[in-house]
Amino acid sequence: MKTITISADLEVYDNEAELPGDVQSLMEQAIEAREKSYSPYSQFKVGAAILLDNKEVVTGSNQENASYPAGLCAERTAIFYAGAKYPEAKILKMALTARSENHQMEVPTPPCGSCRQAIAEYEVKQEQPIEIFFMGEKGKVVKSNSISDLLPLIFDNSYL
């Protein structure tokens, strides 16, 4: 037996104002999308904005359902729409933000496991990493250079 060490380097910005201009704009669009969230059950609003290589920006917000598994996270809402509307476009960057209606969120909120897997599918498909920026309602912003930083042992089509 041997032990394998897996590590990732993530960049942390103190706040949204420290982000590069194009990422600030993308995060603002994610914040706007977050406020369109349909989240009457969790009161947890999430917004996503995706920059494509054709310069289009696609946004999404979480959409809940009384039958919880029928809902969809903001990240997958946006990424699936991008794939459906612009199937040949590559995803360059993704900005994510979360806010609770019950308490202030200052902790950067990364994608859930299902969303990480969906993002991984598109990284593998396009053979190019996707930069992911995520934050809470305010405060620090974390940058991941690739989904492999957040999901190092991805399941992809090579296993099928």
C-alpha atoms as a PDB file:
ATOM      1  CA  MET A   1       0.000   0.000   0.000  1.00  0.00           C
ATOM      2  CA  LYS A   2       1.031   3.585  -0.576  1.00  0.00           C
ATOM      3  CA  THR A   3      -0.429   6.955   0.247  1.00  0.00           C
ATOM      4  CA  ILE A   4      -1.268   9.479  -2.452  1.00  0.00           C
ATOM      5  CA  THR A   5      -1.356  13.157  -1.565  1.00  0.00           C
ATOM      6  CA  ILE A   6      -3.730  15.346  -3.543  1.00  0.00           C
ATOM      7  CA  SER A   7      -3.468  19.114  -3.205  1.00  0.00           C
ATOM      8  CA  ALA A   8      -4.690  22.198  -4.996  1.00  0.00           C
ATOM      9  CA  ASP A   9      -3.645  25.823  -5.090  1.00  0.00           C
ATOM     10  CA  LEU A  10      -6.549  28.256  -4.934  1.00  0.00           C
ATOM     11  CA  GLU A  11      -6.307  32.037  -5.109  1.00  0.00           C
ATOM     12  CA  VAL A  12      -8.219  34.061  -2.508  1.00  0.00           C
ATOM     13  CA  TYR A  13      -9.220  37.676  -3.104  1.00  0.00           C
ATOM     14  CA  ASP A  14     -10.235  39.762  -0.081  1.00  0.00           C
ATOM     15  CA  ASN A  15     -13.332  41.039  -1.852  1.00  0.00           C
ATOM     16  CA  GLU A  16     -15.022  41.500  -5.208  1.00  0.00           C
ATOM     17  CA  ALA A  17     -13.220  44.822  -5.823  1.00  0.00           C
ATOM     18  CA  GLU A  18      -9.846  43.000  -6.031  1.00  0.00           C
ATOM     19  CA  LEU A  19     -11.005  40.852  -8.957  1.00  0.00           C
ATOM     20  CA  PRO A  20      -9.908  41.654 -12.525  1.00  0.00           C
ATOM     21  CA  GLY A  21     -12.437  43.891 -14.278  1.00  0.00           C
ATOM     22  CA  ASP A  22     -13.916  41.199 -16.513  1.00  0.00           C
ATOM     23  CA  VAL A  23     -14.420  38.908 -13.520  1.00  0.00           C
ATOM     24  CA  GLN A  24     -16.001  41.725 -11.493  1.00  0.00           C
ATOM     25  CA  SER A  25     -18.517  42.154 -14.304  1.00  0.00           C
ATOM     26  CA  LEU A  26     -19.162  38.415 -14.451  1.00  0.00           C
ATOM     27  CA  MET A  27     -19.666  38.281 -10.673  1.00  0.00           C
ATOM     28  CA  GLU A  28     -22.112  41.189 -10.845  1.00  0.00           C
ATOM     29  CA  GLN A  29     -24.125  39.207 -13.386  1.00  0.00           C
ATOM     30  CA  ALA A  30     -24.025  36.193 -11.052  1.00  0.00           C
ATOM     31  CA  ILE A  31     -25.320  38.416  -8.223  1.00  0.00           C
ATOM     32  CA  GLU A  32     -28.173  39.611 -10.451  1.00  0.00           C
ATOM     33  CA  ALA A  33     -28.988  36.002 -11.344  1.00  0.00           C
ATOM     34  CA  ARG A  34     -28.860  35.020  -7.651  1.00  0.00           C
ATOM     35  CA  GLU A  35     -31.656  37.454  -6.892  1.00  0.00           C
ATOM     36  CA  LYS A  36     -33.853  35.661  -9.466  1.00  0.00           C
ATOM     37  CA  SER A  37     -33.503  32.386  -7.575  1.00  0.00           C
ATOM     38  CA  TYR A  38     -36.654  30.435  -6.813  1.00  0.00           C
ATOM     39  CA  SER A  39     -35.770  29.108  -3.352  1.00  0.00           C
ATOM     40  CA  PRO A  40     -38.875  29.234  -1.128  1.00  0.00           C
ATOM     41  CA  TYR A  41     -37.895  26.090   0.810  1.00  0.00           C
ATOM     42  CA  SER A  42     -34.227  26.605   1.632  1.00  0.00           C
ATOM     43  CA  GLN A  43     -34.130  30.430   1.456  1.00  0.00           C
ATOM     44  CA  PHE A  44     -30.663  29.808  -0.010  1.00  0.00           C
ATOM     45  CA  LYS A  45     -30.153  31.795  -3.214  1.00  0.00           C
ATOM     46  CA  VAL A  46     -27.384  30.953  -5.676  1.00  0.00           C
ATOM     47  CA  GLY A  47     -26.448  32.702  -8.901  1.00  0.00           C
ATOM     48  CA  ALA A  48     -24.069  31.662 -11.660  1.00  0.00           C
ATOM     49  CA  ALA A  49     -22.662  33.518 -14.663  1.00  0.00           C
ATOM     50  CA  ILE A  50     -20.643  31.804 -17.374  1.00  0.00           C
ATOM     51  CA  LEU A  51     -18.371  33.541 -19.897  1.00  0.00           C
ATOM     52  CA  LEU A  52     -18.076  31.689 -23.214  1.00  0.00           C
ATOM     53  CA  ASP A  53     -15.332  31.997 -25.806  1.00  0.00           C
ATOM     54  CA  ASN A  54     -17.839  33.625 -28.191  1.00  0.00           C
ATOM     55  CA  LYS A  55     -18.111  36.482 -25.610  1.00  0.00           C
ATOM     56  CA  GLU A  56     -21.660  35.500 -24.626  1.00  0.00           C
ATOM     57  CA  VAL A  57     -22.547  35.381 -20.926  1.00  0.00           C
ATOM     58  CA  VAL A  58     -25.087  32.842 -19.731  1.00  0.00           C
ATOM     59  CA  THR A  59     -26.608  33.088 -16.263  1.00  0.00           C
ATOM     60  CA  GLY A  60     -28.605  30.797 -14.035  1.00  0.00           C
ATOM     61  CA  SER A  61     -30.073  30.615 -10.553  1.00  0.00           C
ATOM     62  CA  ASN A  62     -31.148  27.734  -8.366  1.00  0.00           C
ATOM     63  CA  GLN A  63     -34.710  26.575  -8.965  1.00  0.00           C
ATOM     64  CA  GLU A  64     -36.321  24.600  -6.138  1.00  0.00           C
ATOM     65  CA  ASN A  65     -39.283  22.275  -6.153  1.00  0.00           C
ATOM     66  CA  ALA A  66     -41.459  20.903  -3.347  1.00  0.00           C
ATOM     67  CA  SER A  67     -40.123  17.522  -4.442  1.00  0.00           C
ATOM     68  CA  TYR A  68     -36.524  18.420  -3.553  1.00  0.00           C
ATOM     69  CA  PRO A  69     -34.685  16.209  -6.070  1.00  0.00           C
ATOM     70  CA  ALA A  70     -36.621  17.859  -8.901  1.00  0.00           C
ATOM     71  CA  GLY A  71     -34.912  21.217  -8.287  1.00  0.00           C
ATOM     72  CA  LEU A  72     -31.725  22.335 -10.001  1.00  0.00           C
ATOM     73  CA  CYS A  73     -28.676  24.261  -8.823  1.00  0.00           C
ATOM     74  CA  ALA A  74     -27.632  27.568 -10.397  1.00  0.00           C
ATOM     75  CA  GLU A  75     -24.414  26.132 -11.820  1.00  0.00           C
ATOM     76  CA  ARG A  76     -26.168  23.331 -13.699  1.00  0.00           C
ATOM     77  CA  THR A  77     -29.004  25.618 -14.809  1.00  0.00           C
ATOM     78  CA  ALA A  78     -26.419  27.899 -16.441  1.00  0.00           C
ATOM     79  CA  ILE A  79     -24.050  25.261 -17.789  1.00  0.00           C
ATOM     80  CA  PHE A  80     -26.809  23.151 -19.355  1.00  0.00           C
ATOM     81  CA  TYR A  81     -28.365  26.232 -20.944  1.00  0.00           C
ATOM     82  CA  ALA A  82     -24.960  27.253 -22.321  1.00  0.00           C
ATOM     83  CA  GLY A  83     -24.489  23.759 -23.741  1.00  0.00           C
ATOM     84  CA  ALA A  84     -27.957  23.766 -25.298  1.00  0.00           C
ATOM     85  CA  LYS A  85     -27.814  27.277 -26.784  1.00  0.00           C
ATOM     86  CA  TYR A  86     -24.111  27.427 -27.738  1.00  0.00           C
ATOM     87  CA  PRO A  87     -23.033  23.789 -28.179  1.00  0.00           C
ATOM     88  CA  GLU A  88     -19.760  24.658 -29.925  1.00  0.00           C
ATOM     89  CA  ALA A  89     -18.690  27.389 -27.495  1.00  0.00           C
ATOM     90  CA  LYS A  90     -16.089  26.764 -24.819  1.00  0.00           C
ATOM     91  CA  ILE A  91     -16.627  27.885 -21.243  1.00  0.00           C
ATOM     92  CA  LEU A  92     -13.837  30.202 -20.126  1.00  0.00           C
ATOM     93  CA  LYS A  93     -14.929  31.384 -16.682  1.00  0.00           C
ATOM     94  CA  MET A  94     -17.692  30.816 -14.190  1.00  0.00           C
ATOM     95  CA  ALA A  95     -18.687  33.139 -11.324  1.00  0.00           C
ATOM     96  CA  LEU A  96     -20.808  31.867  -8.424  1.00  0.00           C
ATOM     97  CA  THR A  97     -22.379  33.609  -5.461  1.00  0.00           C
ATOM     98  CA  ALA A  98     -24.664  32.445  -2.657  1.00  0.00           C
ATOM     99  CA  ARG A  99     -26.849  34.258  -0.150  1.00  0.00           C
ATOM    100  CA  SER A 100     -29.043  33.001   2.669  1.00  0.00           C
ATOM    101  CA  GLU A 101     -32.219  34.796   3.650  1.00  0.00           C
ATOM    102  CA  ASN A 102     -31.646  33.527   7.221  1.00  0.00           C
ATOM    103  CA  HIS A 103     -28.129  34.784   7.929  1.00  0.00           C
ATOM    104  CA  GLN A 104     -25.311  36.713   6.273  1.00  0.00           C
ATOM    105  CA  MET A 105     -22.954  34.549   4.220  1.00  0.00           C
ATOM    106  CA  GLU A 106     -19.370  35.738   4.098  1.00  0.00           C
ATOM    107  CA  VAL A 107     -17.814  32.326   3.478  1.00  0.00           C
ATOM    108  CA  PRO A 108     -17.056  31.542  -0.191  1.00  0.00           C
ATOM    109  CA  THR A 109     -19.501  28.847  -1.285  1.00  0.00           C
ATOM    110  CA  PRO A 110     -18.137  26.331  -3.811  1.00  0.00           C
ATOM    111  CA  PRO A 111     -20.253  24.225  -6.176  1.00  0.00           C
ATOM    112  CA  CYS A 112     -21.918  21.135  -4.705  1.00  0.00           C
ATOM    113  CA  GLY A 113     -20.751  17.671  -5.763  1.00  0.00           C
ATOM    114  CA  SER A 114     -23.324  17.252  -8.536  1.00  0.00           C
ATOM    115  CA  CYS A 115     -22.398  20.624  -9.997  1.00  0.00           C
ATOM    116  CA  ARG A 116     -18.694  19.794  -9.811  1.00  0.00           C
ATOM    117  CA  GLN A 117     -19.366  16.657 -11.836  1.00  0.00           C
ATOM    118  CA  ALA A 118     -21.390  18.615 -14.421  1.00  0.00           C
ATOM    119  CA  ILE A 119     -18.609  21.207 -14.735  1.00  0.00           C
ATOM    120  CA  ALA A 120     -16.081  18.374 -15.082  1.00  0.00           C
ATOM    121  CA  GLU A 121     -18.050  16.965 -18.013  1.00  0.00           C
ATOM    122  CA  TYR A 122     -17.703  20.255 -19.893  1.00  0.00           C
ATOM    123  CA  GLU A 123     -13.999  20.635 -19.064  1.00  0.00           C
ATOM    124  CA  VAL A 124     -13.352  17.154 -20.450  1.00  0.00           C
ATOM    125  CA  LYS A 125     -15.542  17.826 -23.507  1.00  0.00           C
ATOM    126  CA  GLN A 126     -13.781  21.079 -24.383  1.00  0.00           C
ATOM    127  CA  GLU A 127     -10.290  19.867 -23.384  1.00  0.00           C
ATOM    128  CA  GLN A 128      -9.696  23.178 -21.617  1.00  0.00           C
ATOM    129  CA  PRO A 129      -9.925  24.180 -17.951  1.00  0.00           C
ATOM    130  CA  ILE A 130     -12.684  26.452 -16.675  1.00  0.00           C
ATOM    131  CA  GLU A 131     -11.741  29.167 -14.177  1.00  0.00           C
ATOM    132  CA  ILE A 132     -14.233  29.174 -11.306  1.00  0.00           C
ATOM    133  CA  PHE A 133     -14.693  32.151  -8.977  1.00  0.00           C
ATOM    134  CA  PHE A 134     -16.961  31.703  -5.962  1.00  0.00           C
ATOM    135  CA  MET A 135     -18.085  33.806  -3.033  1.00  0.00           C
ATOM    136  CA  GLY A 136     -20.823  34.100  -0.435  1.00  0.00           C
ATOM    137  CA  GLU A 137     -22.981  37.202  -0.237  1.00  0.00           C
ATOM    138  CA  LYS A 138     -19.949  39.394   0.318  1.00  0.00           C
ATOM    139  CA  GLY A 139     -16.364  39.095   1.440  1.00  0.00           C
ATOM    140  CA  LYS A 140     -13.645  36.807   0.124  1.00  0.00           C
ATOM    141  CA  VAL A 141     -13.695  35.370  -3.393  1.00  0.00           C
ATOM    142  CA  VAL A 142     -11.914  32.099  -4.194  1.00  0.00           C
ATOM    143  CA  LYS A 143     -10.537  31.292  -7.637  1.00  0.00           C
ATOM    144  CA  SER A 144     -10.008  27.750  -8.859  1.00  0.00           C
ATOM    145  CA  ASN A 145      -8.099  27.397 -12.141  1.00  0.00           C
ATOM    146  CA  SER A 146      -9.906  24.169 -13.007  1.00  0.00           C
ATOM    147  CA  ILE A 147     -12.642  21.946 -11.630  1.00  0.00           C
ATOM    148  CA  SER A 148      -9.888  19.377 -11.003  1.00  0.00           C
ATOM    149  CA  ASP A 149      -8.793  21.619  -8.094  1.00  0.00           C
ATOM    150  CA  LEU A 150     -12.213  21.108  -6.492  1.00  0.00           C
ATOM    151  CA  LEU A 151     -12.860  17.571  -7.750  1.00  0.00           C
ATOM    152  CA  PRO A 152      -9.443  15.969  -8.219  1.00  0.00           C
ATOM    153  CA  LEU A 153     -10.656  12.429  -8.959  1.00  0.00           C
ATOM    154  CA  ILE A 154     -13.290  13.128 -11.584  1.00  0.00           C
ATOM    155  CA  PHE A 155     -15.386  10.439 -13.175  1.00  0.00           C
ATOM    156  CA  ASP A 156     -15.311  10.955 -16.932  1.00  0.00           C
ATOM    157  CA  ASN A 157     -15.950   9.122 -20.178  1.00  0.00           C
ATOM    158  CA  SER A 158     -12.624   7.301 -19.988  1.00  0.00           C
ATOM    159  CA  TYR A 159     -14.234   4.934 -17.451  1.00  0.00           C
ATOM    160  CA  LEU A 160     -17.070   3.946 -19.778  1.00  0.00           C
END
